[in-house]
Amino acid sequence: MDEHEFLAGRFEEHRTRLAAVAYRMLGSHSEAEDAVQEAWLRLSRSDAGEVENLGGWLTTVVGRICLDLLRRRAARHEEPLGTRLPDPVVGPAEGADPEQEALLADSVGLALLVVLESLTPAERLAFVLHDMFSVPFEEIGPIMGRTTDAAKQLASRARRRVRGSAPGPDADLTRQREVVDAFLAAARDGDFEALLAVLDPDVTARSDLRGRGALTVVRGAAAVARQAIGWARLAGSAWPALVNGSAGFVALRDGRPFAIMGFAIVEGRVAQIDVLADPERVARLDLSGLG
């Protein structure tokens, strides 16, 4: 085995973790893959023999790459903060495959990823690396050109926003499925009262129907119930699925997937719904194993 093959093997040992970091930072499968590949290119061009902690070094590199990507998004005004849904991780209802499970480690639900989209690039970096991957602030500060104390403050600010915005979902997957199935049945039947019974009074529904900058938000049980009945009229059938580790489903039209619906179930009611129905983004998702 030559030196290049040896280095590639060592890199592969860390790929799953790096992909998880990049996905949480970017909320995009394709961009996360690009960030991991760029990390490999940087490693292959470096003097790897001088790196004592390869995993830590690679995590730092991926963090820097993702920070640069987020800053470029902001500079181009490509997607104003909080105006996009992240790419979901969709798997069969009976369980995710090992690669999906790695992406979903630490129970990163779609609701949390939506909140991460509203953070500034620096806040997101500090929160993701420290709170999700235990990277010391002493290593995070230099990535963004800030002091250790500044990195701590950024993470604290992000933490407050996450705690105030992302609902703590029920952990029982069977109970989640019961609530989601009840929601779907009521929507299909056009049963407004049954929908009100399953929806939290302060439920929020976010929908990305047409792509970039087209996120719509509906709040309140009555408004969401009316919207749900409209959704059901568009969908011919649905596949039960896990969406970022929680009960959800893939809505079909003419036998083809046209929307991904993720749910946050809190105290037995639907507290948040996230709908990805942008045709281009849905078409790029790996939905193998469903149906």
Protein backbone atom coordinates (compact mmCIF):
# COMPACT_ATOMS: atom_id res chain seq x y z
CA MET A 1 0.00 0.00 0.00
CA ASP A 2 1.47 3.34 -1.04
CA GLU A 3 1.26 6.54 0.99
CA HIS A 4 -1.73 7.90 -0.96
CA GLU A 5 -3.78 4.73 -0.39
CA PHE A 6 -2.86 4.74 3.30
CA LEU A 7 -3.97 8.37 3.65
CA ALA A 8 -7.21 7.67 1.75
CA GLY A 9 -7.96 4.81 4.12
CA ARG A 10 -7.44 7.01 7.15
CA PHE A 11 -9.68 9.67 5.64
CA GLU A 12 -12.47 7.14 5.04
CA GLU A 13 -12.41 6.32 8.76
CA HIS A 14 -13.61 9.88 9.41
CA ARG A 15 -15.92 10.38 6.43
CA THR A 16 -19.17 9.60 8.26
CA ARG A 17 -18.46 12.14 11.01
CA LEU A 18 -17.37 14.76 8.49
CA ALA A 19 -20.56 14.26 6.46
CA ALA A 20 -22.61 14.68 9.64
CA VAL A 21 -20.81 17.94 10.49
CA ALA A 22 -21.26 19.29 6.97
CA TYR A 23 -24.96 18.34 6.78
CA ARG A 24 -25.72 20.12 10.05
CA MET A 25 -23.75 23.15 8.89
CA LEU A 26 -25.24 23.42 5.41
CA GLY A 27 -28.61 21.64 5.44
CA SER A 28 -27.85 20.39 1.92
CA HIS A 29 -26.81 16.87 0.97
CA SER A 30 -25.01 17.91 -2.21
CA GLU A 31 -23.13 20.78 -0.58
CA ALA A 32 -22.20 18.55 2.36
CA GLU A 33 -20.74 15.98 -0.04
CA ASP A 34 -18.80 18.73 -1.81
CA ALA A 35 -17.43 20.01 1.51
CA VAL A 36 -16.23 16.54 2.50
CA GLN A 37 -14.58 16.06 -0.89
CA GLU A 38 -12.85 19.43 -0.57
CA ALA A 39 -11.54 18.35 2.85
CA TRP A 40 -10.03 15.26 1.22
CA LEU A 41 -8.35 17.40 -1.44
CA ARG A 42 -6.86 19.66 1.20
CA LEU A 43 -5.63 16.67 3.18
CA SER A 44 -4.05 15.10 0.11
CA ARG A 45 -2.17 18.34 -0.59
CA SER A 46 -0.98 18.77 2.99
CA ASP A 47 1.84 17.24 4.99
CA ALA A 48 -0.38 14.75 6.81
CA GLY A 49 2.57 13.39 8.73
CA GLU A 50 2.61 16.57 10.77
CA VAL A 51 -1.04 16.14 11.84
CA GLU A 52 -1.28 14.62 15.32
CA ASN A 53 -5.08 14.38 15.58
CA LEU A 54 -6.39 13.68 12.09
CA GLY A 55 -10.05 13.56 13.12
CA GLY A 56 -9.85 16.91 14.86
CA TRP A 57 -7.89 18.44 11.98
CA LEU A 58 -10.44 17.25 9.41
CA THR A 59 -13.39 18.45 11.50
CA THR A 60 -11.78 21.89 11.69
CA VAL A 61 -11.17 21.91 7.94
CA VAL A 62 -14.76 20.93 7.15
CA GLY A 63 -16.00 23.58 9.57
CA ARG A 64 -13.94 26.24 7.78
CA ILE A 65 -15.15 25.09 4.34
CA CYS A 66 -18.78 25.18 5.48
CA LEU A 67 -18.35 28.59 7.09
CA ASP A 68 -16.98 29.96 3.82
CA LEU A 69 -19.94 28.48 1.91
CA LEU A 70 -22.45 29.99 4.33
CA ARG A 71 -20.75 33.37 4.13
CA ARG A 72 -20.86 33.27 0.34
CA ARG A 73 -24.57 32.45 0.48
CA ALA A 74 -25.14 35.48 2.71
CA ALA A 75 -22.95 37.77 0.57
CA ARG A 76 -24.89 36.84 -2.57
CA HIS A 77 -28.17 37.25 -0.70
CA GLU A 78 -28.83 33.83 -2.19
CA GLU A 79 -31.10 32.71 0.62
CA PRO A 80 -31.99 35.16 3.39
CA LEU A 81 -31.69 33.59 6.83
CA GLY A 82 -34.66 31.40 7.67
CA THR A 83 -36.14 31.32 4.15
CA ARG A 84 -35.33 27.74 3.15
CA LEU A 85 -36.04 24.26 4.41
CA PRO A 86 -32.98 22.05 4.76
CA ASP A 87 -32.73 18.85 2.74
CA PRO A 88 -34.42 16.11 4.78
CA VAL A 89 -32.98 12.66 5.40
CA VAL A 90 -35.76 10.28 4.36
CA GLY A 91 -35.79 6.58 5.16
CA PRO A 92 -38.24 3.68 5.43
CA ALA A 93 -40.65 3.81 8.34
CA GLU A 94 -39.24 0.61 9.84
CA GLY A 95 -35.78 2.12 10.25
CA ALA A 96 -32.91 3.93 8.57
CA ASP A 97 -29.92 2.29 6.94
CA PRO A 98 -26.50 2.65 8.65
CA GLU A 99 -25.49 5.68 6.57
CA GLN A 100 -28.76 7.47 7.35
CA GLU A 101 -28.45 6.55 11.03
CA ALA A 102 -25.02 8.18 11.09
CA LEU A 103 -26.46 11.38 9.64
CA LEU A 104 -29.23 11.30 12.24
CA ALA A 105 -26.99 10.69 15.26
CA ASP A 106 -27.80 12.98 18.20
CA SER A 107 -31.46 13.12 17.10
CA VAL A 108 -31.07 16.03 14.71
CA GLY A 109 -34.66 16.51 13.65
CA LEU A 110 -35.90 18.65 10.82
CA ALA A 111 -37.29 21.19 13.30
CA LEU A 112 -33.81 21.80 14.72
CA LEU A 113 -32.28 22.09 11.25
CA VAL A 114 -34.89 24.70 10.36
CA VAL A 115 -33.80 26.76 13.37
CA LEU A 116 -30.14 26.36 12.39
CA GLU A 117 -31.01 27.94 9.04
CA SER A 118 -31.94 31.14 10.91
CA LEU A 119 -28.55 31.50 12.62
CA THR A 120 -25.71 33.60 11.28
CA PRO A 121 -22.84 31.58 9.76
CA ALA A 122 -20.61 32.19 12.80
CA GLU A 123 -23.38 31.28 15.27
CA ARG A 124 -24.11 28.09 13.37
CA LEU A 125 -20.45 27.08 13.29
CA ALA A 126 -19.97 27.67 17.02
CA PHE A 127 -23.15 25.81 17.96
CA VAL A 128 -22.71 22.84 15.62
CA LEU A 129 -19.04 22.23 16.37
CA HIS A 130 -19.24 22.75 20.13
CA ASP A 131 -22.70 21.59 21.14
CA MET A 132 -23.08 18.76 18.63
CA PHE A 133 -19.49 17.56 18.15
CA SER A 134 -17.71 18.70 21.34
CA VAL A 135 -15.03 20.71 19.54
CA PRO A 136 -13.31 23.01 22.11
CA PHE A 137 -13.92 26.73 21.77
CA GLU A 138 -10.16 27.21 21.65
CA GLU A 139 -10.23 25.46 18.28
CA ILE A 140 -13.45 27.06 17.04
CA GLY A 141 -12.35 30.67 17.53
CA PRO A 142 -9.45 30.58 15.04
CA ILE A 143 -11.67 29.03 12.34
CA MET A 144 -13.78 32.19 12.24
CA GLY A 145 -11.02 34.62 13.15
CA ARG A 146 -12.49 35.28 16.61
CA THR A 147 -11.29 34.91 20.17
CA THR A 148 -12.26 31.96 22.35
CA ASP A 149 -14.59 34.18 24.38
CA ALA A 150 -16.26 35.46 21.21
CA ALA A 151 -16.84 31.87 20.05
CA LYS A 152 -18.44 31.08 23.42
CA GLN A 153 -20.75 34.08 23.10
CA LEU A 154 -21.78 33.06 19.58
CA ALA A 155 -22.61 29.53 20.74
CA SER A 156 -24.56 30.88 23.72
CA ARG A 157 -26.61 33.16 21.46
CA ALA A 158 -27.33 30.26 19.10
CA ARG A 159 -28.23 28.00 22.01
CA ARG A 160 -30.82 30.45 23.31
CA ARG A 161 -32.44 30.69 19.90
CA VAL A 162 -32.50 26.91 19.47
CA ARG A 163 -34.02 26.34 22.90
CA GLY A 164 -36.62 29.01 22.30
CA SER A 165 -37.60 27.87 18.82
CA ALA A 166 -37.14 24.12 18.34
CA PRO A 167 -39.84 22.04 20.10
CA GLY A 168 -38.68 19.05 22.13
CA PRO A 169 -40.38 16.18 20.28
CA ASP A 170 -41.89 13.09 21.86
CA ALA A 171 -39.37 10.26 21.80
CA ASP A 172 -41.82 7.37 21.31
CA LEU A 173 -41.74 6.64 17.57
CA THR A 174 -44.84 4.44 17.75
CA ARG A 175 -46.81 7.26 19.33
CA GLN A 176 -45.44 9.70 16.75
CA ARG A 177 -46.68 7.43 13.97
CA GLU A 178 -50.15 7.20 15.53
CA VAL A 179 -50.43 11.00 15.63
CA VAL A 180 -49.13 11.45 12.07
CA ASP A 181 -51.50 8.76 10.77
CA ALA A 182 -54.42 10.45 12.56
CA PHE A 183 -53.44 13.76 10.96
CA LEU A 184 -53.27 12.19 7.50
CA ALA A 185 -56.61 10.39 7.89
CA ALA A 186 -58.36 13.56 9.08
CA ALA A 187 -56.88 15.59 6.22
CA ARG A 188 -57.98 13.03 3.63
CA ASP A 189 -61.50 12.94 5.09
CA GLY A 190 -61.68 16.74 5.16
CA ASP A 191 -62.49 16.43 8.87
CA PHE A 192 -61.70 19.90 10.21
CA GLU A 193 -62.61 19.09 13.84
CA ALA A 194 -60.48 15.94 13.87
CA LEU A 195 -57.54 17.96 12.57
CA LEU A 196 -57.99 20.54 15.32
CA ALA A 197 -57.91 17.70 17.86
CA VAL A 198 -54.52 16.45 16.65
CA LEU A 199 -52.89 19.86 16.08
CA ASP A 200 -51.26 21.95 18.80
CA PRO A 201 -53.09 25.31 19.05
CA ASP A 202 -49.81 27.09 18.20
CA VAL A 203 -48.73 24.70 15.43
CA THR A 204 -46.51 26.08 12.68
CA ALA A 205 -46.42 24.74 9.11
CA ARG A 206 -43.52 25.68 6.84
CA SER A 207 -43.73 24.87 3.14
CA ASP A 208 -41.10 25.13 0.42
CA LEU A 209 -43.21 24.72 -2.71
CA ARG A 210 -41.33 26.53 -5.42
CA GLY A 211 -37.70 26.61 -4.36
CA ARG A 212 -35.35 29.42 -3.41
CA GLY A 213 -36.89 32.20 -1.35
CA ALA A 214 -40.39 30.69 -1.57
CA LEU A 215 -40.81 29.46 2.01
CA THR A 216 -44.31 30.07 3.31
CA VAL A 217 -45.25 29.87 6.98
CA VAL A 218 -48.74 29.26 8.37
CA ARG A 219 -49.44 29.49 12.11
CA GLY A 220 -52.31 28.35 14.27
CA ALA A 221 -54.38 25.16 14.31
CA ALA A 222 -57.32 26.47 12.27
CA ALA A 223 -55.15 27.86 9.46
CA VAL A 224 -52.96 24.75 9.34
CA ALA A 225 -56.03 22.47 9.33
CA ARG A 226 -57.43 24.29 6.30
CA GLN A 227 -54.06 24.02 4.57
CA ALA A 228 -53.81 20.31 5.39
CA ILE A 229 -57.15 19.60 3.74
CA GLY A 230 -55.87 21.37 0.64
CA TRP A 231 -52.66 19.31 0.68
CA ALA A 232 -54.67 16.08 0.92
CA ARG A 233 -56.61 16.96 -2.21
CA LEU A 234 -53.32 17.15 -4.13
CA ALA A 235 -51.96 13.83 -2.90
CA GLY A 236 -53.28 10.58 -4.28
CA SER A 237 -51.54 8.43 -1.67
CA ALA A 238 -48.64 8.50 0.76
CA TRP A 239 -45.71 6.35 1.86
CA PRO A 240 -45.00 6.27 5.60
CA ALA A 241 -41.39 7.26 6.19
CA LEU A 242 -38.88 8.44 8.73
CA VAL A 243 -37.99 12.07 8.11
CA ASN A 244 -34.84 12.98 10.02
CA GLY A 245 -35.55 10.18 12.44
CA SER A 246 -39.18 11.13 13.19
CA ALA A 247 -42.48 9.87 11.82
CA GLY A 248 -43.44 11.50 8.54
CA PHE A 249 -44.51 10.57 5.04
CA VAL A 250 -43.87 11.03 1.35
CA ALA A 251 -46.92 12.31 -0.54
CA LEU A 252 -47.50 10.91 -4.03
CA ARG A 253 -49.19 12.34 -7.09
CA ASP A 254 -49.82 10.05 -10.06
CA GLY A 255 -47.71 7.45 -8.26
CA ARG A 256 -44.65 9.70 -7.98
CA PRO A 257 -43.23 11.48 -4.91
CA PHE A 258 -44.07 15.16 -4.95
CA ALA A 259 -43.73 16.25 -1.30
CA ILE A 260 -41.88 15.24 1.86
CA MET A 261 -43.67 15.98 5.13
CA GLY A 262 -41.82 16.03 8.44
CA PHE A 263 -43.51 16.44 11.82
CA ALA A 264 -42.57 17.45 15.35
CA ILE A 265 -44.92 15.74 17.80
CA VAL A 266 -44.96 17.36 21.25
CA GLU A 267 -47.14 16.02 24.07
CA GLY A 268 -49.17 13.94 21.64
CA ARG A 269 -49.98 16.73 19.20
CA VAL A 270 -48.49 18.06 15.98
CA ALA A 271 -46.44 21.14 16.94
CA GLN A 272 -44.60 21.68 13.66
CA ILE A 273 -44.93 20.53 10.06
CA ASP A 274 -42.25 20.99 7.42
CA VAL A 275 -43.20 20.36 3.79
CA LEU A 276 -40.65 20.14 0.99
CA ALA A 277 -42.48 20.18 -2.35
CA ASP A 278 -40.02 21.97 -4.63
CA PRO A 279 -39.93 19.51 -7.58
CA GLU A 280 -36.21 19.89 -8.28
CA ARG A 281 -35.20 19.30 -4.67
CA VAL A 282 -37.58 16.37 -4.19
CA ALA A 283 -36.20 14.75 -7.35
CA ARG A 284 -32.66 14.91 -5.95
CA LEU A 285 -33.52 13.05 -2.74
CA ASP A 286 -32.67 9.40 -2.26
CA LEU A 287 -36.06 7.76 -1.72
CA SER A 288 -34.91 4.22 -2.44
CA GLY A 289 -36.38 1.61 -0.16
CA LEU A 290 -39.70 3.42 0.25
CA GLY A 291 -43.08 2.33 -1.00
